[in-house]
Amino acid sequence: MPLLDSCWSPCIWTNNLKSGCFAIAYYTAMMSAVLITFIIFDMTGGDSTQLYNPLFEADIRLSMQAIGGLLIVYFLQMIGSSLLLCMGINKLIRGLMVPWMVSFGVAILFQLIFGLWLLGGYYIYLDAVLYTLVIWSWMAYNVYCWLVVHSQYKIIEEMQSPNIELLWP
């Protein structure tokens, strides 16, 4: 049973889940492209001293290169899973929606853990509390986007489930 009937948020508003899922796939791909650009900027010597930066406290010579490379691969995979999400919705293949749901779930979990780390490690700075609230607000929006896609997944699942009717008692 789907949890949502439509997709409404300050950024995306549609009256059905299908077009909302396409908008969310576009949002995911574009946000991944922006974050890849930001990570490449940090890896090439850009300023990574901001408290809210996921590569904060990373060594420019070793750990930033390794973690940055892994993040770039992850975000490229997110772009690919966004394309699979669109194909899965168009062709009504639920299995093509699963990579996006798992990958986006990992991103939501990272936002939660990063906010906890930021709050626990730097609670004496008021800026850290503000950054944590902003990160968790973005996480809440991402949870809503995940719920929209999950609701579309459930709708496709209901459409594809067989209705077995016993004709002989």
C-alpha atoms as a PDB file:
ATOM      1  CA  MET A   1       0.000   0.000   0.000  1.00  0.00           C
ATOM      2  CA  PRO A   2       1.536   3.332  -1.041  1.00  0.00           C
ATOM      3  CA  LEU A   3       2.113   5.921   1.649  1.00  0.00           C
ATOM      4  CA  LEU A   4       1.701   8.983  -0.608  1.00  0.00           C
ATOM      5  CA  ASP A   5      -0.662   9.911  -3.447  1.00  0.00           C
ATOM      6  CA  SER A   6       1.183  12.871  -4.923  1.00  0.00           C
ATOM      7  CA  CYS A   7       4.546  14.582  -4.744  1.00  0.00           C
ATOM      8  CA  TRP A   8       4.481  17.962  -3.094  1.00  0.00           C
ATOM      9  CA  SER A   9       7.454  19.821  -1.718  1.00  0.00           C
ATOM     10  CA  PRO A  10       8.770  23.359  -1.995  1.00  0.00           C
ATOM     11  CA  CYS A  11      10.976  22.290  -4.912  1.00  0.00           C
ATOM     12  CA  ILE A  12       8.806  19.699  -6.669  1.00  0.00           C
ATOM     13  CA  TRP A  13       5.032  19.670  -7.043  1.00  0.00           C
ATOM     14  CA  THR A  14       3.155  17.186  -9.156  1.00  0.00           C
ATOM     15  CA  ASN A  15      -0.287  15.676  -8.855  1.00  0.00           C
ATOM     16  CA  ASN A  16       0.915  12.115  -9.462  1.00  0.00           C
ATOM     17  CA  LEU A  17       3.804  10.049  -8.188  1.00  0.00           C
ATOM     18  CA  LYS A  18       5.135   9.062 -11.596  1.00  0.00           C
ATOM     19  CA  SER A  19       6.074  12.575 -12.680  1.00  0.00           C
ATOM     20  CA  GLY A  20       7.280  13.284  -9.143  1.00  0.00           C
ATOM     21  CA  CYS A  21       9.667  10.326  -9.399  1.00  0.00           C
ATOM     22  CA  PHE A  22      11.032  11.677 -12.679  1.00  0.00           C
ATOM     23  CA  ALA A  23      11.627  15.052 -11.025  1.00  0.00           C
ATOM     24  CA  ILE A  24      13.323  13.337  -8.075  1.00  0.00           C
ATOM     25  CA  ALA A  25      15.558  11.357 -10.453  1.00  0.00           C
ATOM     26  CA  TYR A  26      16.530  14.637 -12.150  1.00  0.00           C
ATOM     27  CA  TYR A  27      17.156  16.246  -8.745  1.00  0.00           C
ATOM     28  CA  THR A  28      19.346  13.307  -7.715  1.00  0.00           C
ATOM     29  CA  ALA A  29      21.405  13.367 -10.905  1.00  0.00           C
ATOM     30  CA  MET A  30      21.937  17.126 -10.833  1.00  0.00           C
ATOM     31  CA  MET A  31      22.791  17.186  -7.126  1.00  0.00           C
ATOM     32  CA  SER A  32      25.280  14.368  -7.729  1.00  0.00           C
ATOM     33  CA  ALA A  33      26.901  16.377 -10.532  1.00  0.00           C
ATOM     34  CA  VAL A  34      27.199  19.422  -8.270  1.00  0.00           C
ATOM     35  CA  LEU A  35      28.706  17.354  -5.458  1.00  0.00           C
ATOM     36  CA  ILE A  36      31.190  15.702  -7.848  1.00  0.00           C
ATOM     37  CA  THR A  37      32.327  19.177  -8.913  1.00  0.00           C
ATOM     38  CA  PHE A  38      32.651  20.239  -5.263  1.00  0.00           C
ATOM     39  CA  ILE A  39      34.665  17.130  -4.371  1.00  0.00           C
ATOM     40  CA  ILE A  40      37.016  17.624  -7.328  1.00  0.00           C
ATOM     41  CA  PHE A  41      37.515  21.232  -6.182  1.00  0.00           C
ATOM     42  CA  ASP A  42      38.445  20.004  -2.699  1.00  0.00           C
ATOM     43  CA  MET A  43      40.745  17.274  -4.039  1.00  0.00           C
ATOM     44  CA  THR A  44      42.688  19.715  -6.202  1.00  0.00           C
ATOM     45  CA  GLY A  45      43.532  21.948  -3.278  1.00  0.00           C
ATOM     46  CA  GLY A  46      40.354  23.941  -2.769  1.00  0.00           C
ATOM     47  CA  ASP A  47      39.253  25.221   0.601  1.00  0.00           C
ATOM     48  CA  SER A  48      37.924  22.312   2.662  1.00  0.00           C
ATOM     49  CA  THR A  49      38.133  23.950   6.073  1.00  0.00           C
ATOM     50  CA  GLN A  50      34.413  24.600   6.464  1.00  0.00           C
ATOM     51  CA  LEU A  51      32.805  22.672   9.297  1.00  0.00           C
ATOM     52  CA  TYR A  52      29.907  21.466   7.124  1.00  0.00           C
ATOM     53  CA  ASN A  53      32.180  20.017   4.424  1.00  0.00           C
ATOM     54  CA  PRO A  54      32.129  16.186   4.389  1.00  0.00           C
ATOM     55  CA  LEU A  55      35.851  16.241   3.540  1.00  0.00           C
ATOM     56  CA  PHE A  56      36.570  18.444   6.578  1.00  0.00           C
ATOM     57  CA  GLU A  57      39.681  17.307   8.496  1.00  0.00           C
ATOM     58  CA  ALA A  58      40.840  15.132   5.596  1.00  0.00           C
ATOM     59  CA  ASP A  59      44.520  15.151   4.658  1.00  0.00           C
ATOM     60  CA  ILE A  60      44.925  16.721   1.215  1.00  0.00           C
ATOM     61  CA  ARG A  61      47.678  14.258   0.245  1.00  0.00           C
ATOM     62  CA  LEU A  62      46.214  10.900   1.273  1.00  0.00           C
ATOM     63  CA  SER A  63      42.794  10.531   2.872  1.00  0.00           C
ATOM     64  CA  MET A  64      41.085  13.244   0.828  1.00  0.00           C
ATOM     65  CA  GLN A  65      42.230  11.632  -2.411  1.00  0.00           C
ATOM     66  CA  ALA A  66      41.008   8.175  -1.351  1.00  0.00           C
ATOM     67  CA  ILE A  67      37.702   9.242   0.174  1.00  0.00           C
ATOM     68  CA  GLY A  68      37.116  11.805  -2.572  1.00  0.00           C
ATOM     69  CA  GLY A  69      37.651   9.129  -5.219  1.00  0.00           C
ATOM     70  CA  LEU A  70      35.175   6.832  -3.484  1.00  0.00           C
ATOM     71  CA  LEU A  71      32.635   9.651  -3.245  1.00  0.00           C
ATOM     72  CA  ILE A  72      33.031  10.451  -6.936  1.00  0.00           C
ATOM     73  CA  VAL A  73      32.410   6.786  -7.807  1.00  0.00           C
ATOM     74  CA  TYR A  74      29.381   6.772  -5.483  1.00  0.00           C
ATOM     75  CA  PHE A  75      27.876   9.891  -7.071  1.00  0.00           C
ATOM     76  CA  LEU A  76      28.492   8.548 -10.576  1.00  0.00           C
ATOM     77  CA  GLN A  77      26.623   5.435  -9.458  1.00  0.00           C
ATOM     78  CA  MET A  78      23.814   7.684  -8.179  1.00  0.00           C
ATOM     79  CA  ILE A  79      23.547   9.284 -11.623  1.00  0.00           C
ATOM     80  CA  GLY A  80      23.364   5.828 -13.184  1.00  0.00           C
ATOM     81  CA  SER A  81      20.752   4.648 -10.688  1.00  0.00           C
ATOM     82  CA  SER A  82      18.695   7.771 -11.444  1.00  0.00           C
ATOM     83  CA  LEU A  83      18.632   6.733 -15.085  1.00  0.00           C
ATOM     84  CA  LEU A  84      17.646   3.213 -14.031  1.00  0.00           C
ATOM     85  CA  LEU A  85      14.874   4.696 -11.872  1.00  0.00           C
ATOM     86  CA  CYS A  86      13.414   6.482 -14.901  1.00  0.00           C
ATOM     87  CA  MET A  87      13.669   3.340 -17.031  1.00  0.00           C
ATOM     88  CA  GLY A  88      12.067   1.251 -14.292  1.00  0.00           C
ATOM     89  CA  ILE A  89       9.115   3.611 -13.980  1.00  0.00           C
ATOM     90  CA  ASN A  90       8.617   3.803 -17.756  1.00  0.00           C
ATOM     91  CA  LYS A  91       8.808   0.051 -18.285  1.00  0.00           C
ATOM     92  CA  LEU A  92       7.139  -0.873 -14.951  1.00  0.00           C
ATOM     93  CA  ILE A  93      10.141  -2.908 -13.794  1.00  0.00           C
ATOM     94  CA  ARG A  94      10.466  -2.635 -10.036  1.00  0.00           C
ATOM     95  CA  GLY A  95      13.944  -4.166  -9.993  1.00  0.00           C
ATOM     96  CA  LEU A  96      15.344  -1.113 -11.781  1.00  0.00           C
ATOM     97  CA  MET A  97      14.052   1.116  -8.977  1.00  0.00           C
ATOM     98  CA  VAL A  98      15.852  -0.786  -6.218  1.00  0.00           C
ATOM     99  CA  PRO A  99      19.427   0.513  -6.881  1.00  0.00           C
ATOM    100  CA  TRP A 100      18.232   4.097  -6.490  1.00  0.00           C
ATOM    101  CA  MET A 101      16.305   3.296  -3.320  1.00  0.00           C
ATOM    102  CA  VAL A 102      19.303   1.564  -1.724  1.00  0.00           C
ATOM    103  CA  SER A 103      21.850   4.195  -2.819  1.00  0.00           C
ATOM    104  CA  PHE A 104      19.652   7.086  -1.761  1.00  0.00           C
ATOM    105  CA  GLY A 105      19.016   5.332   1.556  1.00  0.00           C
ATOM    106  CA  VAL A 106      22.786   5.218   2.080  1.00  0.00           C
ATOM    107  CA  ALA A 107      22.971   8.970   1.382  1.00  0.00           C
ATOM    108  CA  ILE A 108      20.226   9.622   3.951  1.00  0.00           C
ATOM    109  CA  LEU A 109      22.044   7.468   6.502  1.00  0.00           C
ATOM    110  CA  PHE A 110      25.285   9.376   5.802  1.00  0.00           C
ATOM    111  CA  GLN A 111      23.524  12.694   6.410  1.00  0.00           C
ATOM    112  CA  LEU A 112      22.184  11.428   9.729  1.00  0.00           C
ATOM    113  CA  ILE A 113      25.556  10.101  10.890  1.00  0.00           C
ATOM    114  CA  PHE A 114      27.468  13.147   9.638  1.00  0.00           C
ATOM    115  CA  GLY A 115      25.085  15.430  11.535  1.00  0.00           C
ATOM    116  CA  LEU A 116      25.547  13.367  14.701  1.00  0.00           C
ATOM    117  CA  TRP A 117      29.338  13.454  14.274  1.00  0.00           C
ATOM    118  CA  LEU A 118      29.265  17.195  13.708  1.00  0.00           C
ATOM    119  CA  LEU A 119      27.058  17.782  16.720  1.00  0.00           C
ATOM    120  CA  GLY A 120      29.012  15.429  18.980  1.00  0.00           C
ATOM    121  CA  GLY A 121      32.457  16.598  17.953  1.00  0.00           C
ATOM    122  CA  TYR A 122      31.902  20.334  17.727  1.00  0.00           C
ATOM    123  CA  TYR A 123      28.945  21.021  20.021  1.00  0.00           C
ATOM    124  CA  ILE A 124      30.745  23.937  21.661  1.00  0.00           C
ATOM    125  CA  TYR A 125      30.515  25.927  18.434  1.00  0.00           C
ATOM    126  CA  LEU A 126      27.100  27.376  17.727  1.00  0.00           C
ATOM    127  CA  ASP A 127      27.846  27.155  13.996  1.00  0.00           C
ATOM    128  CA  ALA A 128      28.015  23.357  14.258  1.00  0.00           C
ATOM    129  CA  VAL A 129      24.480  23.242  15.628  1.00  0.00           C
ATOM    130  CA  LEU A 130      23.225  25.429  12.774  1.00  0.00           C
ATOM    131  CA  TYR A 131      25.031  23.306  10.162  1.00  0.00           C
ATOM    132  CA  THR A 132      23.603  20.152  11.736  1.00  0.00           C
ATOM    133  CA  LEU A 133      20.084  21.557  11.547  1.00  0.00           C
ATOM    134  CA  VAL A 134      20.587  22.491   7.900  1.00  0.00           C
ATOM    135  CA  ILE A 135      21.993  19.041   7.077  1.00  0.00           C
ATOM    136  CA  TRP A 136      19.106  17.350   8.881  1.00  0.00           C
ATOM    137  CA  SER A 137      16.567  19.573   7.111  1.00  0.00           C
ATOM    138  CA  TRP A 138      18.055  18.479   3.795  1.00  0.00           C
ATOM    139  CA  MET A 139      17.961  14.900   5.087  1.00  0.00           C
ATOM    140  CA  ALA A 140      14.252  15.265   5.906  1.00  0.00           C
ATOM    141  CA  TYR A 141      13.605  16.442   2.345  1.00  0.00           C
ATOM    142  CA  ASN A 142      15.559  13.460   1.017  1.00  0.00           C
ATOM    143  CA  VAL A 143      13.506  11.114   3.214  1.00  0.00           C
ATOM    144  CA  TYR A 144      10.360  12.585   1.656  1.00  0.00           C
ATOM    145  CA  CYS A 145      11.800  12.028  -1.839  1.00  0.00           C
ATOM    146  CA  TRP A 146      12.628   8.438  -0.904  1.00  0.00           C
ATOM    147  CA  LEU A 147       9.053   7.935   0.334  1.00  0.00           C
ATOM    148  CA  VAL A 148       7.681   9.230  -2.978  1.00  0.00           C
ATOM    149  CA  VAL A 149       9.747   6.711  -4.930  1.00  0.00           C
ATOM    150  CA  HIS A 150       8.855   3.942  -2.468  1.00  0.00           C
ATOM    151  CA  SER A 151       5.156   4.758  -2.915  1.00  0.00           C
ATOM    152  CA  GLN A 152       5.543   4.502  -6.695  1.00  0.00           C
ATOM    153  CA  TYR A 153       7.323   1.183  -6.158  1.00  0.00           C
ATOM    154  CA  LYS A 154       4.351  -0.053  -4.104  1.00  0.00           C
ATOM    155  CA  ILE A 155       1.878   1.090  -6.775  1.00  0.00           C
ATOM    156  CA  ILE A 156       3.765  -0.879  -9.434  1.00  0.00           C
ATOM    157  CA  GLU A 157       3.917  -3.841  -7.066  1.00  0.00           C
ATOM    158  CA  GLU A 158       0.131  -3.759  -6.587  1.00  0.00           C
ATOM    159  CA  MET A 159      -0.412  -3.486 -10.339  1.00  0.00           C
ATOM    160  CA  GLN A 160       1.773  -6.511 -10.966  1.00  0.00           C
ATOM    161  CA  SER A 161       0.451  -8.726  -8.164  1.00  0.00           C
ATOM    162  CA  PRO A 162      -1.819 -11.472  -9.435  1.00  0.00           C
ATOM    163  CA  ASN A 163      -5.460 -11.501  -8.424  1.00  0.00           C
ATOM    164  CA  ILE A 164      -6.236 -15.124  -7.844  1.00  0.00           C
ATOM    165  CA  GLU A 165      -9.921 -15.891  -7.621  1.00  0.00           C
ATOM    166  CA  LEU A 166     -11.066 -19.337  -6.646  1.00  0.00           C
ATOM    167  CA  LEU A 167     -13.849 -20.493  -8.910  1.00  0.00           C
ATOM    168  CA  TRP A 168     -14.211 -23.906  -7.329  1.00  0.00           C
ATOM    169  CA  PRO A 169     -14.672 -24.191  -3.574  1.00  0.00           C
END
